[in-house]
């Protein structure tokens, strides 16, 4: 499977950016540089990964999360919009320009990142697209150097491919009130 990868970079100054990416703190941020890498990857059969937040189809993401997902059923559009706005990075999966998958991460950029809201529409599953979506987010992105955490009920095999495992005895969770 051959995948074409196109890296787009922009200057650190907001005024000179053609495509504004969220600044992600990395080790280079300590020295004063910023990391504004943006990725657009073509996949076989007309699929594409893109981490441009402006390209995300908020209606499609909200519809899937609030109506089809087990983890965010009933989530309001306002909440989805805020989560997208506040995300450290989002990666969309597109087929012929239509959003068919998504992943979101938030991070301190130094030590920890949380992977959330990962999905591929049912009609596009079993083609390795979820694998590519997760790979782009955790291994190829600007947060590849940090510890990742996630919650899942049904995709353990997918995440084990990227070294996710059972939490250590040090991890605790406080559920919402």
Protein backbone atom coordinates (compact mmCIF):
# COMPACT_ATOMS: atom_id res chain seq x y z
CA UNK A 1 0.00 0.00 0.00
CA UNK A 2 1.65 3.19 -1.13
CA UNK A 3 0.72 6.37 0.68
CA UNK A 4 1.64 9.80 -0.54
CA UNK A 5 2.46 12.18 2.26
CA UNK A 6 2.58 15.93 1.83
CA UNK A 7 3.93 18.07 4.67
CA UNK A 8 2.87 21.69 4.69
CA UNK A 9 4.68 24.13 6.91
CA UNK A 10 4.08 27.74 7.65
CA UNK A 11 5.90 30.54 9.38
CA UNK A 12 5.38 31.06 13.11
CA UNK A 13 3.87 34.50 12.63
CA UNK A 14 0.07 34.41 12.55
CA UNK A 15 0.03 37.30 10.06
CA UNK A 16 1.99 35.36 7.44
CA UNK A 17 0.20 32.01 7.69
CA UNK A 18 -1.70 30.84 4.67
CA UNK A 19 -3.17 27.97 6.62
CA UNK A 20 -3.37 28.56 10.32
CA UNK A 21 -2.54 25.46 12.35
CA UNK A 22 -2.71 25.32 16.11
CA UNK A 23 0.73 25.76 17.63
CA UNK A 24 1.67 22.52 19.31
CA UNK A 25 4.34 22.84 21.97
CA UNK A 26 7.24 20.50 21.32
CA UNK A 27 10.79 20.28 22.50
CA UNK A 28 11.62 22.93 19.91
CA UNK A 29 9.15 25.26 21.64
CA UNK A 30 11.55 25.51 24.54
CA UNK A 31 14.13 27.08 22.27
CA UNK A 32 11.63 29.61 20.97
CA UNK A 33 10.63 27.89 17.74
CA UNK A 34 7.09 26.76 17.08
CA UNK A 35 5.75 23.65 15.44
CA UNK A 36 2.96 24.41 13.01
CA UNK A 37 3.28 21.30 10.86
CA UNK A 38 0.21 20.40 8.94
CA UNK A 39 -0.35 17.09 7.23
CA UNK A 40 -2.43 16.01 4.31
CA UNK A 41 -2.04 12.33 3.34
CA UNK A 42 -3.59 10.68 0.34
CA UNK A 43 -4.65 7.09 0.91
CA UNK A 44 -5.70 4.53 -1.71
CA UNK A 45 -9.17 4.57 -3.28
CA UNK A 46 -9.80 8.30 -2.93
CA UNK A 47 -9.39 8.52 0.86
CA UNK A 48 -7.43 11.32 2.50
CA UNK A 49 -6.26 12.29 6.00
CA UNK A 50 -6.03 15.99 6.80
CA UNK A 51 -5.37 17.79 10.07
CA UNK A 52 -6.74 21.13 8.95
CA UNK A 53 -9.29 22.11 11.66
CA UNK A 54 -11.07 24.40 9.21
CA UNK A 55 -11.89 21.43 6.99
CA UNK A 56 -13.72 19.44 9.68
CA UNK A 57 -17.41 19.04 8.89
CA UNK A 58 -18.83 19.93 12.31
CA UNK A 59 -22.32 18.70 11.31
CA UNK A 60 -20.96 15.27 10.32
CA UNK A 61 -18.83 14.92 13.46
CA UNK A 62 -21.66 16.05 15.72
CA UNK A 63 -24.14 13.72 14.00
CA UNK A 64 -21.89 10.68 14.44
CA UNK A 65 -20.87 11.45 18.01
CA UNK A 66 -24.32 12.40 19.30
CA UNK A 67 -26.36 9.78 17.41
CA UNK A 68 -24.13 6.76 16.70
CA UNK A 69 -21.22 6.60 19.13
CA UNK A 70 -21.57 4.80 22.45
CA UNK A 71 -19.34 7.27 24.29
CA UNK A 72 -20.87 10.61 23.30
CA UNK A 73 -24.52 9.81 22.57
CA UNK A 74 -26.58 12.93 23.15
CA UNK A 75 -23.58 15.27 23.19
CA UNK A 76 -24.73 18.78 22.27
CA UNK A 77 -23.53 20.57 19.18
CA UNK A 78 -22.25 23.38 21.39
CA UNK A 79 -20.06 20.89 23.26
CA UNK A 80 -18.75 19.36 20.03
CA UNK A 81 -17.91 22.82 18.68
CA UNK A 82 -16.03 23.70 21.86
CA UNK A 83 -14.15 20.38 21.91
CA UNK A 84 -13.08 20.96 18.31
CA UNK A 85 -12.07 24.54 19.04
CA UNK A 86 -10.06 23.57 22.13
CA UNK A 87 -8.43 20.45 20.65
CA UNK A 88 -4.68 20.37 20.34
CA UNK A 89 -5.02 18.48 17.08
CA UNK A 90 -7.81 17.04 14.95
CA UNK A 91 -7.43 14.65 12.03
CA UNK A 92 -10.23 14.12 9.57
CA UNK A 93 -10.67 11.19 7.23
CA UNK A 94 -12.27 12.15 3.93
CA UNK A 95 -13.53 10.24 0.90
CA UNK A 96 -14.11 12.26 -2.23
CA UNK A 97 -14.22 15.39 -0.06
CA UNK A 98 -16.82 14.02 2.41
CA UNK A 99 -15.94 13.49 6.09
CA UNK A 100 -16.06 9.76 6.87
CA UNK A 101 -13.87 9.59 9.99
CA UNK A 102 -12.32 11.67 12.70
CA UNK A 103 -9.93 11.74 15.67
CA UNK A 104 -9.25 14.43 18.27
CA UNK A 105 -6.45 14.93 20.77
CA UNK A 106 -5.74 17.31 23.58
CA UNK A 107 -2.39 17.63 25.27
CA UNK A 108 -0.05 19.70 27.37
CA UNK A 109 2.40 19.18 24.48
CA UNK A 110 5.17 18.02 26.79
CA UNK A 111 4.24 14.87 28.69
CA UNK A 112 0.70 13.67 27.98
CA UNK A 113 -1.90 13.48 25.22
CA UNK A 114 -5.42 12.09 25.27
CA UNK A 115 -6.90 10.45 22.18
CA UNK A 116 -10.65 10.96 21.84
CA UNK A 117 -13.64 10.70 19.53
CA UNK A 118 -12.02 8.31 17.05
CA UNK A 119 -14.41 6.91 14.46
CA UNK A 120 -14.75 5.69 10.88
CA UNK A 121 -18.25 5.47 9.44
CA UNK A 122 -19.49 1.85 9.29
CA UNK A 123 -19.62 1.70 5.49
CA UNK A 124 -15.88 2.51 5.32
CA UNK A 125 -14.63 0.12 8.02
CA UNK A 126 -12.52 -3.01 7.48
CA UNK A 127 -10.19 -1.23 5.04
CA UNK A 128 -7.40 -0.23 7.44
CA UNK A 129 -8.62 3.37 7.59
CA UNK A 130 -8.91 3.40 11.39
CA UNK A 131 -5.33 2.12 11.54
CA UNK A 132 -4.16 5.00 9.35
CA UNK A 133 -6.21 7.53 11.32
CA UNK A 134 -4.70 6.46 14.64
CA UNK A 135 -1.20 6.16 13.14
CA UNK A 136 -1.41 9.72 11.83
CA UNK A 137 -2.54 11.03 15.19
CA UNK A 138 -0.18 9.21 17.57
CA UNK A 139 2.88 8.24 15.54
CA UNK A 140 3.22 10.76 12.74
CA UNK A 141 1.99 13.92 14.41
CA UNK A 142 3.67 16.57 16.51
CA UNK A 143 2.70 14.73 19.71
CA UNK A 144 4.47 11.47 18.86
CA UNK A 145 6.97 12.05 21.67
CA UNK A 146 4.46 12.12 24.58
CA UNK A 147 2.59 9.45 26.58
CA UNK A 148 -0.88 8.78 25.15
CA UNK A 149 -4.02 7.80 27.07
CA UNK A 150 -7.49 6.84 25.84
CA UNK A 151 -10.69 5.12 26.83
CA UNK A 152 -12.27 2.43 24.66
CA UNK A 153 -14.85 -0.28 25.04
CA UNK A 154 -14.43 -2.08 21.74
CA UNK A 155 -11.26 -1.24 19.82
CA UNK A 156 -8.51 -2.73 22.00
CA UNK A 157 -6.88 -4.63 19.12
CA UNK A 158 -6.57 -1.45 17.05
CA UNK A 159 -4.93 0.52 19.85
CA UNK A 160 -2.57 -2.31 20.86
CA UNK A 161 -0.96 -1.90 17.43
CA UNK A 162 0.27 1.48 18.68
CA UNK A 163 1.56 0.22 22.04
CA UNK A 164 -1.54 1.14 24.04
CA UNK A 165 -2.01 -1.32 26.87
CA UNK A 166 -3.72 -1.78 30.19
CA UNK A 167 -3.13 1.12 32.55
CA UNK A 168 -0.49 0.82 35.19
CA UNK A 169 -1.40 0.61 38.86
CA UNK A 170 -0.72 4.35 39.08
CA UNK A 171 -3.60 5.42 36.86
CA UNK A 172 -6.85 6.49 38.48
CA UNK A 173 -9.95 7.95 36.92
CA UNK A 174 -12.56 10.30 38.31
CA UNK A 175 -15.82 10.02 36.36
CA UNK A 176 -18.04 13.06 35.83
CA UNK A 177 -20.45 13.91 38.62
